[in-house]
N, C-alpha and C. Protein backbone atom coordinates (compact mmCIF):
# COMPACT_ATOMS: atom_id res chain seq x y z
N MET A 1 -104.17 -15.46 -3.06
CA MET A 1 -103.88 -14.23 -2.89
C MET A 1 -104.83 -14.18 -2.47
N ALA A 2 -106.39 -15.01 -2.68
CA ALA A 2 -107.41 -14.68 -2.37
C ALA A 2 -108.41 -14.15 -2.02
N ASP A 3 -107.51 -15.35 -0.90
CA ASP A 3 -107.03 -15.03 0.52
C ASP A 3 -107.22 -13.76 1.36
N ASP A 4 -106.44 -13.87 1.33
CA ASP A 4 -106.07 -12.11 1.67
C ASP A 4 -106.91 -10.82 1.16
N THR A 5 -108.27 -10.97 0.12
CA THR A 5 -108.94 -10.21 -0.01
C THR A 5 -110.39 -10.56 1.17
N GLU A 6 -110.35 -11.70 1.12
CA GLU A 6 -111.61 -12.13 1.97
C GLU A 6 -111.60 -11.04 2.97
N TYR A 7 -110.27 -10.92 4.21
CA TYR A 7 -110.68 -9.94 5.06
C TYR A 7 -111.23 -8.38 5.17
N THR A 8 -111.36 -8.08 6.59
CA THR A 8 -112.34 -6.95 6.00
C THR A 8 -111.60 -5.59 6.63
N GLU A 9 -111.28 -4.92 6.76
CA GLU A 9 -110.93 -3.79 7.39
C GLU A 9 -111.13 -3.66 9.22
N SER A 10 -111.87 -4.53 8.93
CA SER A 10 -112.78 -4.54 10.93
C SER A 10 -111.77 -5.81 11.15
N ASP A 11 -111.82 -6.90 10.18
CA ASP A 11 -110.83 -7.91 10.64
C ASP A 11 -109.62 -8.11 10.88
N ILE A 12 -108.58 -7.12 10.25
CA ILE A 12 -107.59 -6.83 10.51
C ILE A 12 -107.42 -6.18 11.79
N TRP A 13 -108.47 -5.70 11.97
CA TRP A 13 -107.81 -4.67 14.28
C TRP A 13 -108.45 -6.06 14.03
N ALA A 14 -108.74 -6.32 14.50
CA ALA A 14 -109.79 -7.14 15.26
C ALA A 14 -108.62 -8.47 16.06
N SER A 15 -108.74 -7.90 17.12
CA SER A 15 -107.87 -9.05 18.21
C SER A 15 -108.15 -11.24 17.97
N PRO A 16 -106.86 -11.88 17.91
CA PRO A 16 -107.46 -12.96 17.29
C PRO A 16 -108.43 -13.94 18.59
N SER A 17 -108.99 -14.37 17.78
CA SER A 17 -110.14 -16.14 18.87
C SER A 17 -108.35 -16.76 19.20
N HIS A 18 -108.88 -17.11 21.10
CA HIS A 18 -108.26 -18.61 20.57
C HIS A 18 -108.70 -19.59 19.85
N ASP A 19 -109.48 -19.34 20.00
CA ASP A 19 -110.29 -20.26 19.91
C ASP A 19 -110.47 -20.61 18.08
N ALA A 20 -110.25 -19.64 17.73
CA ALA A 20 -109.53 -19.60 15.49
C ALA A 20 -108.94 -20.94 15.34
N PRO A 21 -109.06 -21.18 14.41
CA PRO A 21 -108.19 -22.33 13.96
C PRO A 21 -107.43 -21.88 13.34
N LEU A 22 -105.87 -23.41 14.04
CA LEU A 22 -104.51 -22.57 13.12
C LEU A 22 -104.49 -21.87 11.89
N ALA A 23 -105.33 -22.55 11.25
CA ALA A 23 -104.81 -22.86 9.56
C ALA A 23 -106.18 -21.07 9.44
N ALA A 24 -107.10 -20.99 9.64
CA ALA A 24 -107.56 -19.50 9.59
C ALA A 24 -107.26 -17.80 10.03
N ARG A 25 -105.80 -18.31 10.60
CA ARG A 25 -105.96 -17.00 10.71
C ARG A 25 -104.80 -16.90 9.83
N PRO A 26 -104.76 -15.18 10.13
CA PRO A 26 -103.53 -15.20 9.06
C PRO A 26 -101.80 -14.88 9.15
N LYS A 27 -100.81 -15.39 8.91
CA LYS A 27 -99.24 -16.29 9.49
C LYS A 27 -99.28 -14.96 9.42
N THR A 28 -97.85 -14.61 9.99
CA THR A 28 -97.03 -13.66 10.77
C THR A 28 -95.62 -13.52 9.83
N PRO A 29 -95.62 -12.12 8.52
CA PRO A 29 -94.80 -12.79 8.13
C PRO A 29 -93.58 -12.99 8.40
N LYS A 30 -92.03 -13.34 8.26
CA LYS A 30 -91.38 -14.14 9.24
C LYS A 30 -90.74 -12.70 9.54
N THR A 31 -90.36 -11.86 10.49
CA THR A 31 -88.56 -10.83 10.14
C THR A 31 -87.02 -10.74 9.99
N PRO A 32 -87.68 -10.55 8.75
CA PRO A 32 -86.01 -10.67 8.81
C PRO A 32 -84.26 -10.48 10.36
N LYS A 33 -83.79 -11.15 10.29
CA LYS A 33 -83.45 -11.37 11.86
C LYS A 33 -82.14 -10.13 10.80
N THR A 34 -81.94 -8.97 11.71
CA THR A 34 -80.84 -8.58 11.88
C THR A 34 -79.27 -8.58 11.95
N PRO A 35 -78.05 -8.55 10.80
CA PRO A 35 -77.23 -9.01 10.74
C PRO A 35 -76.59 -8.19 12.48
N LYS A 36 -75.93 -9.60 12.71
CA LYS A 36 -74.34 -8.56 13.93
C LYS A 36 -73.50 -7.90 13.00
N THR A 37 -73.07 -7.03 13.89
CA THR A 37 -72.70 -5.55 13.57
C THR A 37 -70.69 -7.01 13.27
N PRO A 38 -70.80 -6.21 12.25
CA PRO A 38 -69.35 -6.62 12.13
C PRO A 38 -67.82 -6.27 13.33
N THR A 39 -67.36 -7.34 14.09
CA THR A 39 -65.59 -6.80 14.73
C THR A 39 -64.51 -5.94 14.11
N GLY A 40 -64.96 -7.49 13.47
CA GLY A 40 -63.35 -6.92 11.99
C GLY A 40 -63.99 -7.95 11.24
N PRO A 41 -62.69 -7.13 10.31
CA PRO A 41 -63.10 -7.45 8.63
C PRO A 41 -63.24 -9.43 8.79
N PRO A 42 -64.01 -10.04 7.72
CA PRO A 42 -64.61 -10.98 7.64
C PRO A 42 -63.75 -12.21 7.92
N ALA A 43 -64.41 -13.38 8.53
CA ALA A 43 -62.42 -14.01 8.59
C ALA A 43 -61.87 -14.78 7.48
N SER A 44 -62.25 -14.60 6.02
CA SER A 44 -61.16 -14.33 5.33
C SER A 44 -60.44 -13.70 5.49
N GLU A 45 -60.72 -12.62 5.15
CA GLU A 45 -59.93 -11.31 5.37
C GLU A 45 -58.71 -11.33 6.81
N THR A 46 -59.07 -12.45 7.64
CA THR A 46 -58.46 -11.69 8.46
C THR A 46 -57.35 -12.78 8.41
N VAL A 47 -57.81 -13.87 8.26
CA VAL A 47 -56.84 -15.32 7.82
C VAL A 47 -56.09 -13.85 6.50
N SER A 48 -56.19 -13.72 5.71
CA SER A 48 -54.46 -13.64 4.85
C SER A 48 -54.77 -12.13 5.20
N ARG A 49 -54.84 -11.66 6.10
CA ARG A 49 -54.09 -10.37 6.57
C ARG A 49 -52.86 -11.22 7.56
N ASP A 50 -53.59 -12.03 8.21
CA ASP A 50 -52.16 -12.45 9.18
C ASP A 50 -51.40 -13.40 8.45
N ASP A 51 -51.62 -13.49 7.02
CA ASP A 51 -50.77 -14.14 6.16
C ASP A 51 -49.39 -14.20 6.24
N LEU A 52 -50.13 -11.96 5.80
CA LEU A 52 -49.68 -11.38 5.34
C LEU A 52 -48.66 -10.82 6.40
N LEU A 53 -48.91 -10.53 7.71
CA LEU A 53 -48.02 -10.03 8.38
C LEU A 53 -47.33 -11.17 8.34
N ARG A 54 -47.35 -12.46 9.10
CA ARG A 54 -46.37 -13.61 9.17
C ARG A 54 -44.97 -13.49 8.27
N ARG A 55 -45.70 -13.59 6.64
CA ARG A 55 -45.50 -13.55 5.67
C ARG A 55 -43.96 -12.71 5.50
N GLU A 56 -45.02 -11.24 6.26
CA GLU A 56 -43.94 -10.05 5.67
C GLU A 56 -42.62 -9.75 7.55
N LEU A 57 -43.47 -10.77 8.76
CA LEU A 57 -42.19 -10.87 9.82
C LEU A 57 -41.18 -12.04 9.08
N GLU A 58 -41.86 -12.94 8.55
CA GLU A 58 -40.55 -13.91 8.32
C GLU A 58 -39.49 -13.04 7.03
N GLY A 59 -39.82 -12.49 5.74
CA GLY A 59 -38.89 -11.34 5.04
C GLY A 59 -37.78 -10.59 5.79
N VAL A 60 -39.00 -10.02 7.12
CA VAL A 60 -37.82 -8.76 8.53
C VAL A 60 -36.70 -9.70 8.58
N ARG A 61 -36.87 -11.24 9.40
CA ARG A 61 -36.24 -11.57 10.20
C ARG A 61 -34.78 -12.23 9.22
N SER A 62 -35.65 -13.27 7.82
CA SER A 62 -34.88 -13.29 6.70
C SER A 62 -33.48 -11.93 6.51
N VAL A 63 -34.16 -10.73 5.81
CA VAL A 63 -32.75 -9.13 5.89
C VAL A 63 -32.41 -9.23 7.27
N ASN A 64 -32.78 -9.66 8.96
CA ASN A 64 -31.64 -9.31 9.93
C ASN A 64 -30.52 -10.30 9.35
N GLU A 65 -31.70 -11.75 9.22
CA GLU A 65 -30.28 -13.02 8.93
C GLU A 65 -29.15 -12.16 8.29
N GLY A 66 -29.62 -11.58 7.05
CA GLY A 66 -28.61 -11.73 6.09
C GLY A 66 -27.27 -10.51 6.75
N ILE A 67 -28.39 -9.33 6.93
CA ILE A 67 -27.75 -8.15 7.79
C ILE A 67 -26.44 -8.72 8.94
N GLU A 68 -26.76 -9.58 9.46
CA GLU A 68 -26.22 -10.26 10.25
C GLU A 68 -25.14 -10.69 10.70
N GLY A 69 -25.36 -11.42 9.30
CA GLY A 69 -23.81 -12.26 8.46
C GLY A 69 -23.42 -11.56 7.76
N LEU A 70 -23.94 -11.21 8.08
CA LEU A 70 -23.22 -10.01 6.92
C LEU A 70 -21.86 -8.44 7.63
N LEU A 71 -22.15 -8.28 8.99
CA LEU A 71 -21.70 -7.90 10.01
C LEU A 71 -20.04 -8.68 10.21
N GLY A 72 -21.40 -10.14 10.11
CA GLY A 72 -19.95 -11.02 10.93
C GLY A 72 -18.78 -11.26 10.35
N THR A 73 -18.97 -11.68 8.66
CA THR A 73 -17.91 -11.75 7.85
C THR A 73 -16.74 -10.25 7.57
N LEU A 74 -17.72 -9.05 7.63
CA LEU A 74 -17.02 -7.77 8.28
C LEU A 74 -15.88 -7.87 8.89
N ASN A 75 -16.92 -7.92 10.49
CA ASN A 75 -15.81 -9.24 11.33
C ASN A 75 -14.52 -9.34 11.27
N ARG A 76 -14.68 -10.90 10.72
CA ARG A 76 -14.50 -11.46 10.66
C ARG A 76 -13.30 -11.01 9.46
N ALA A 77 -13.75 -9.97 8.11
CA ALA A 77 -12.99 -9.91 6.84
C ALA A 77 -11.79 -8.81 8.16
N GLY A 78 -11.88 -7.76 9.19
CA GLY A 78 -10.88 -6.83 9.80
C GLY A 78 -10.19 -7.38 10.76
N GLY A 79 -10.35 -8.71 11.15
CA GLY A 79 -10.14 -10.18 12.41
C GLY A 79 -8.83 -10.51 11.20
N ASN A 80 -9.24 -10.43 10.38
CA ASN A 80 -7.99 -10.86 8.67
C ASN A 80 -6.56 -9.50 8.42
N MET A 81 -7.65 -8.96 8.74
CA MET A 81 -6.73 -7.78 8.13
C MET A 81 -5.37 -7.67 8.50
N GLN A 82 -6.67 -7.76 10.01
CA GLN A 82 -5.07 -7.03 11.20
C GLN A 82 -3.76 -8.19 11.73
N VAL A 83 -4.24 -10.17 11.01
CA VAL A 83 -3.60 -10.96 11.24
C VAL A 83 -2.87 -10.03 10.02
N VAL A 84 -2.97 -9.79 8.92
CA VAL A 84 -2.00 -9.78 7.50
C VAL A 84 -1.30 -8.39 7.88
N ALA A 85 -2.05 -7.33 9.30
CA ALA A 85 -0.84 -6.16 8.94
C ALA A 85 0.57 -6.96 9.69
N LYS A 86 0.20 -7.15 10.80
CA LYS A 86 1.16 -8.29 11.74
C LYS A 86 1.85 -8.78 11.14
N THR A 87 2.00 -10.02 9.99
CA THR A 87 2.37 -10.29 8.93
C THR A 87 3.02 -10.01 8.40
N VAL A 88 2.93 -8.42 7.28
CA VAL A 88 3.40 -7.86 7.01
C VAL A 88 4.91 -7.58 7.63
N ALA A 89 4.38 -7.15 9.20
CA ALA A 89 5.54 -6.11 9.38
C ALA A 89 6.18 -7.05 10.55
N ASN A 90 5.99 -8.82 10.93
CA ASN A 90 6.80 -8.87 10.41
C ASN A 90 7.89 -9.73 9.29
N ALA A 91 7.41 -9.85 8.22
CA ALA A 91 7.89 -10.20 6.92
C ALA A 91 9.04 -8.54 6.93
N SER A 92 8.63 -7.72 6.97
CA SER A 92 9.19 -6.51 6.80
C SER A 92 10.77 -6.49 7.82
N THR A 93 10.66 -7.01 9.02
CA THR A 93 11.91 -7.43 10.20
C THR A 93 12.34 -8.36 9.44
N LEU A 94 12.01 -9.47 9.24
CA LEU A 94 12.75 -10.38 8.79
C LEU A 94 13.29 -9.96 7.49
N LEU A 95 13.06 -9.30 6.68
CA LEU A 95 13.45 -8.41 5.66
C LEU A 95 14.61 -7.75 5.78
N ASN A 96 14.41 -6.67 6.70
CA ASN A 96 15.87 -5.99 7.21
C ASN A 96 16.40 -6.98 7.24
N THR A 97 16.69 -7.86 9.22
CA THR A 97 17.60 -9.10 9.84
C THR A 97 18.43 -9.45 8.23
N TRP A 98 17.86 -9.90 6.89
CA TRP A 98 17.88 -10.62 6.18
C TRP A 98 20.15 -9.50 5.12
N THR A 99 18.50 -8.63 5.14
CA THR A 99 19.46 -7.30 4.61
C THR A 99 20.98 -7.07 5.08
N ARG A 100 21.20 -6.61 6.53
CA ARG A 100 21.80 -6.62 7.29
C ARG A 100 23.16 -7.65 7.15
N ILE A 101 22.10 -9.18 7.31
CA ILE A 101 23.45 -9.91 7.51
C ILE A 101 24.03 -9.93 5.91
N LEU A 102 23.36 -10.17 4.92
CA LEU A 102 23.53 -10.52 3.56
C LEU A 102 25.18 -8.85 3.50
N SER A 103 24.51 -7.73 3.73
CA SER A 103 25.64 -6.66 3.68
C SER A 103 26.67 -6.83 4.97
N GLN A 104 26.68 -7.58 5.57
CA GLN A 104 28.11 -8.21 6.38
C GLN A 104 28.57 -8.97 5.28
N THR A 105 27.66 -10.41 5.23
CA THR A 105 28.72 -10.99 4.48
C THR A 105 29.32 -10.48 3.92
N GLU A 106 28.22 -9.82 2.71
CA GLU A 106 30.11 -9.30 1.76
C GLU A 106 31.32 -8.44 1.73
N HIS A 107 30.82 -8.20 3.52
CA HIS A 107 31.80 -6.99 3.98
C HIS A 107 32.81 -7.79 4.42
N ASN A 108 32.53 -9.28 4.86
CA ASN A 108 33.19 -10.04 5.48
C ASN A 108 34.83 -11.05 4.73
N GLN A 109 33.60 -10.77 3.48
CA GLN A 109 33.74 -11.34 2.35
C GLN A 109 35.29 -10.33 1.92
N ARG A 110 34.72 -9.55 1.51
CA ARG A 110 35.99 -8.64 0.84
C ARG A 110 37.41 -8.57 2.03
N LEU A 111 36.62 -7.94 2.91
CA LEU A 111 37.70 -8.93 4.14
C LEU A 111 39.09 -9.18 4.44
N ILE A 112 38.51 -10.58 3.60
CA ILE A 112 38.69 -11.50 3.58
C ILE A 112 39.82 -12.28 2.85
N LEU A 113 38.99 -11.89 1.13
CA LEU A 113 39.59 -11.86 -0.20
C LEU A 113 40.33 -10.69 -0.56
N HIS A 114 40.45 -9.62 0.69
CA HIS A 114 41.21 -8.50 -0.12
C HIS A 114 42.50 -9.03 -0.47
N PRO A 115 44.20 -9.27 -0.94
CA PRO A 115 45.27 -9.36 -0.47
C PRO A 115 45.52 -8.71 0.13
N GLY A 116 45.47 -6.75 0.72
CA GLY A 116 46.22 -6.67 1.37
C GLY A 116 46.06 -6.41 3.19
N TRP A 117 44.53 -6.98 3.22
CA TRP A 117 44.09 -7.70 4.69
C TRP A 117 45.32 -8.54 5.03
N LYS A 118 45.54 -8.25 6.18
CA LYS A 118 46.45 -8.91 7.57
C LYS A 118 45.22 -9.21 8.74
N GLY A 119 45.22 -9.36 8.94
CA GLY A 119 44.41 -10.48 9.60
C GLY A 119 43.81 -8.94 11.06
N VAL A 120 42.60 -9.82 11.46
CA VAL A 120 42.16 -8.24 12.40
C VAL A 120 43.31 -8.33 13.71
N THR A 121 44.22 -9.09 14.17
CA THR A 121 44.78 -7.87 14.57
C THR A 121 45.72 -7.09 14.28
N GLN A 122 45.41 -6.61 13.12
CA GLN A 122 46.46 -6.13 12.67
C GLN A 122 45.44 -4.66 12.53
N ASP A 123 43.74 -5.05 12.33
CA ASP A 123 42.92 -3.98 12.18
C ASP A 123 42.75 -3.00 13.51
N LEU A 124 42.71 -4.36 14.96
CA LEU A 124 42.76 -2.88 15.59
C LEU A 124 43.68 -2.77 15.85
N ALA A 125 45.50 -3.21 15.04
CA ALA A 125 46.48 -2.72 15.79
C ALA A 125 45.82 -0.40 14.84
N GLU A 126 45.14 -1.05 13.78
CA GLU A 126 44.61 0.16 13.04
C GLU A 126 43.91 1.04 14.01
N GLN A 127 42.82 0.34 14.65
CA GLN A 127 41.66 0.67 15.47
C GLN A 127 42.49 1.84 16.24
N GLU A 128 43.42 1.10 17.05
CA GLU A 128 43.92 1.74 18.30
C GLU A 128 44.97 3.17 18.42
N ALA A 129 45.11 2.90 16.29
CA ALA A 129 46.65 3.63 15.93
C ALA A 129 45.76 4.74 15.97
N GLU A 130 44.30 4.93 15.16
CA GLU A 130 43.11 6.27 14.80
C GLU A 130 43.08 7.05 15.88
N ALA A 131 43.03 5.55 17.49
CA ALA A 131 42.48 6.64 18.28
C ALA A 131 42.82 7.69 19.13
N LEU A 132 44.42 6.94 18.88
CA LEU A 132 45.91 7.26 19.57
C LEU A 132 46.10 8.48 18.53
N GLU A 133 45.90 9.08 17.38
CA GLU A 133 45.95 10.24 16.38
C GLU A 133 44.61 11.07 16.70
N LYS A 134 43.44 10.54 16.97
CA LYS A 134 42.47 12.03 17.52
C LYS A 134 43.03 11.91 19.14
N GLN A 135 43.28 10.99 19.69
CA GLN A 135 43.55 11.77 21.00
C GLN A 135 44.25 13.18 21.19
N ARG A 136 45.75 13.56 19.66
CA ARG A 136 46.99 13.94 19.92
C ARG A 136 46.19 14.70 19.13
N ALA A 137 45.71 14.59 18.60
CA ALA A 137 44.94 16.58 16.88
C ALA A 137 44.43 17.33 18.80
N ALA A 138 43.39 15.89 19.63
CA ALA A 138 42.32 16.82 20.21
C ALA A 138 43.76 18.15 21.48
N GLU A 139 44.42 16.82 21.77
CA GLU A 139 45.21 17.64 22.73
C GLU A 139 46.49 18.86 22.38
N ARG A 140 46.43 19.43 20.90
CA ARG A 140 47.08 19.99 20.31
C ARG A 140 45.85 21.25 19.35
N LYS A 141 44.77 20.62 19.73
CA LYS A 141 43.85 21.49 19.28
C LYS A 141 43.64 23.02 21.04
N ALA A 142 43.62 21.74 21.67
CA ALA A 142 43.39 21.80 23.24
C ALA A 142 44.73 22.76 23.74
N ALA A 143 45.67 22.68 23.55
CA ALA A 143 47.24 23.19 23.43
C ALA A 143 47.01 24.07 23.15
N GLU A 144 46.75 24.79 21.91
CA GLU A 144 46.51 25.64 20.77
C GLU A 144 45.49 27.05 21.27
N GLU A 145 44.57 26.37 21.74
CA GLU A 145 42.68 27.17 22.69
C GLU A 145 44.27 27.89 23.60
N GLU A 146 44.56 27.55 24.45
CA GLU A 146 45.28 27.47 25.67
C GLU A 146 46.32 28.55 25.30
N GLN A 147 46.87 28.31 24.12
CA GLN A 147 47.76 29.35 24.19
C GLN A 147 47.27 30.53 23.50
N ARG A 148 46.39 30.51 22.41
CA ARG A 148 45.49 31.45 21.83
C ARG A 148 44.98 32.67 23.23
N ARG A 149 44.62 32.22 23.85
CA ARG A 149 44.17 32.61 26.16
C ARG A 149 45.23 33.78 25.88
N GLU A 150 45.92 32.62 25.98
CA GLU A 150 47.60 33.29 27.42
C GLU A 150 48.17 34.79 25.88
N GLU A 151 47.95 34.23 25.16
CA GLU A 151 48.27 35.55 23.50
C GLU A 151 47.18 36.43 24.58
N LEU A 152 46.37 36.36 24.53
CA LEU A 152 44.90 37.57 24.17
C LEU A 152 44.73 38.25 25.60
N ARG A 153 45.01 37.27 26.33
CA ARG A 153 46.29 37.92 28.44
C ARG A 153 46.73 38.89 27.97
N ARG A 154 48.11 38.55 27.60
CA ARG A 154 48.91 39.53 27.21
C ARG A 154 48.94 40.59 26.64
N ARG A 155 48.00 40.29 25.77
CA ARG A 155 48.58 42.13 24.95
C ARG A 155 47.05 42.36 25.77
N ARG A 156 45.82 42.38 26.32
CA ARG A 156 45.19 42.96 27.25
C ARG A 156 45.71 43.48 28.08
N GLU A 157 47.46 42.99 28.71
CA GLU A 157 47.61 43.73 29.82
C GLU A 157 48.88 44.32 29.36
N GLU A 158 48.68 44.38 28.06
CA GLU A 158 49.69 45.86 27.44
C GLU A 158 49.24 46.55 26.99
N GLU A 159 47.40 46.23 26.81
CA GLU A 159 46.72 47.90 26.84
C GLU A 159 46.54 47.82 27.32
N GLU A 160 46.83 47.97 28.55
CA GLU A 160 46.89 48.30 30.38
C GLU A 160 48.05 49.55 30.23
N THR A 161 48.65 48.65 30.58
CA THR A 161 49.37 49.33 30.74
C THR A 161 50.41 50.89 29.78
N ALA A 162 49.54 50.62 28.22
CA ALA A 162 49.75 51.47 27.71
C ALA A 162 49.09 52.80 29.05
N ARG A 163 47.81 52.53 28.85
CA ARG A 163 46.25 53.45 29.00
C ARG A 163 47.37 54.67 29.92
N ARG A 164 47.62 53.35 30.74
CA ARG A 164 48.25 54.70 32.07
C ARG A 164 49.56 55.10 32.28
N LEU A 165 50.23 54.64 30.70
CA LEU A 165 51.72 55.18 30.67
C LEU A 165 51.03 56.93 29.38
N ALA A 166 49.80 56.78 29.31
CA ALA A 166 49.42 57.58 28.82
C ALA A 166 49.11 58.95 28.48
N PRO A 167 48.31 58.65 29.46
CA PRO A 167 48.75 60.53 29.64
C PRO A 167 49.46 61.29 30.69
N SER A 168 50.88 59.82 31.02
CA SER A 168 52.05 61.63 30.69
C SER A 168 52.41 61.32 30.32
N THR A 169 52.16 60.34 28.52
CA THR A 169 52.80 60.68 27.72
C THR A 169 52.26 61.83 26.82
N SER A 170 51.36 62.41 26.78
CA SER A 170 50.32 63.56 26.40
C SER A 170 50.69 64.24 27.76
N ARG A 171 50.96 64.89 28.42
CA ARG A 171 52.40 65.66 29.09
C ARG A 171 53.21 66.12 28.31
N GLU A 172 53.78 65.34 27.99
CA GLU A 172 55.07 65.29 27.56
C GLU A 172 54.71 66.21 25.75
N VAL A 173 54.03 65.43 25.04
CA VAL A 173 53.72 65.72 24.06
C VAL A 173 53.47 67.61 24.02
N ALA A 174 52.56 67.82 25.39
CA ALA A 174 52.18 69.66 25.38
C ALA A 174 53.91 70.15 24.97
N ARG A 175 54.72 69.61 26.08
CA ARG A 175 55.52 70.31 26.53
C ARG A 175 56.59 70.48 25.67
N ARG A 176 56.67 69.53 24.72
CA ARG A 176 57.29 69.62 23.52
C ARG A 176 56.51 70.63 21.90
N GLU A 177 55.10 70.85 23.05
CA GLU A 177 54.31 71.23 21.29
C GLU A 177 54.87 72.67 21.83
N ALA A 178 54.88 72.49 23.59
CA ALA A 178 55.01 74.75 23.49
C ALA A 178 57.11 74.94 23.58
N VAL A 179 57.59 73.90 23.58
CA VAL A 179 59.47 74.09 23.34
C VAL A 179 59.96 73.72 21.82
N CYS A 180 59.15 73.41 21.07
CA CYS A 180 58.89 72.61 19.61
C CYS A 180 57.64 72.69 18.88
N PRO A 181 56.87 73.77 17.59
CA PRO A 181 55.78 73.17 16.75
C PRO A 181 55.34 72.39 16.79
N ASN A 182 56.84 72.68 15.15
CA ASN A 182 57.20 71.28 14.47
C ASN A 182 56.77 70.10 14.77
N HIS A 183 56.93 69.22 16.05
CA HIS A 183 56.60 68.13 16.39
C HIS A 183 55.41 67.91 17.21
N LEU A 184 54.44 69.01 16.50
CA LEU A 184 53.35 68.60 16.76
C LEU A 184 53.04 67.26 15.76
N HIS A 185 52.91 67.73 14.53
CA HIS A 185 52.57 66.06 13.94
C HIS A 185 53.13 64.66 14.75
N GLN A 186 54.61 65.03 15.11
CA GLN A 186 54.84 64.21 15.20
C GLN A 186 54.63 63.41 16.96
N ALA A 187 54.29 64.51 17.53
CA ALA A 187 53.63 63.93 19.07
C ALA A 187 52.05 63.04 18.37
N HIS A 188 51.66 63.52 18.06
CA HIS A 188 49.99 62.50 17.08
C HIS A 188 50.60 61.47 17.40
N GLN A 189 51.17 61.31 16.47
CA GLN A 189 51.46 59.44 15.88
C GLN A 189 52.59 58.88 16.67
N GLU A 190 52.68 59.78 17.78
CA GLU A 190 53.73 59.31 19.26
C GLU A 190 52.61 58.41 19.38
N VAL A 191 51.58 58.99 20.13
CA VAL A 191 50.09 59.13 20.99
C VAL A 191 49.00 58.00 20.17
N ALA A 192 48.88 58.18 18.83
CA ALA A 192 48.52 57.78 18.45
C ALA A 192 48.73 55.73 18.30
N GLU A 193 50.84 55.69 18.11
CA GLU A 193 51.45 54.80 18.07
C GLU A 193 50.85 53.76 19.53
N LEU A 194 50.70 54.27 20.92
CA LEU A 194 51.51 53.77 21.99
C LEU A 194 49.90 53.65 22.17
N GLN A 195 48.33 53.93 21.83
CA GLN A 195 46.72 53.81 21.93
C GLN A 195 46.66 52.25 21.25
N GLY A 196 46.91 52.47 20.19
CA GLY A 196 46.65 51.82 19.13
C GLY A 196 47.37 50.27 19.49
C-alpha cells in the first residue's frame, strides 16, 4: 500500500506513457462482470418443474385409464343385465308353458281315472247335445221375442180402433145425458174403459 501513496494527485490525472514499464503502471482493478438477466428459472428449478409436470401428467393419465376401465366395466355389466333380463323372460315363458302342460296332464289323468268317463266319443256326443240345446234355447228366445212384438202390434191396432170409435161414443154419451142425467156417471166409465 505504500506504493499507492507515492502517487500524487497530478500523477493520477496524467496520461500514462507508453514508455513506462508495465510494472510501474498502476493496475486497473477488474470490473466485475454484469450477470446475465435470467430468462427463466435456474436449470435445477426447470428440471424439477418439468419433472413435476410429467408426474402430474402421468397421474392424470392413470386416473383417465381408471375411469375408462370403470366405464368399460359398467358397459359390460349393462350388457350382462340385458342378458339376465332375457334369460329371466325366457325362463318365465318356459315356466308358464310347463304349468299349462302339468295342468292339462292332471285334467287328462282325472278324466281317464274317473269311473263315469265313457271315452272321447261320449264327450263329443255330450258337446254336440249341449250345442243343440243352446241352439234350441236361442230359437225359443227368438220366437218369444217375435210373439211379444206381435202382441204389441195387436194392442196398438186395438187402441187405434178404440180411438177412432171414441168420438162417436162421446156423442152417444151426450145423447144419453140429455135423455137420462142419471147415466152420466156410467157414461164416463164407459169412455174411460174404451180409451184405457
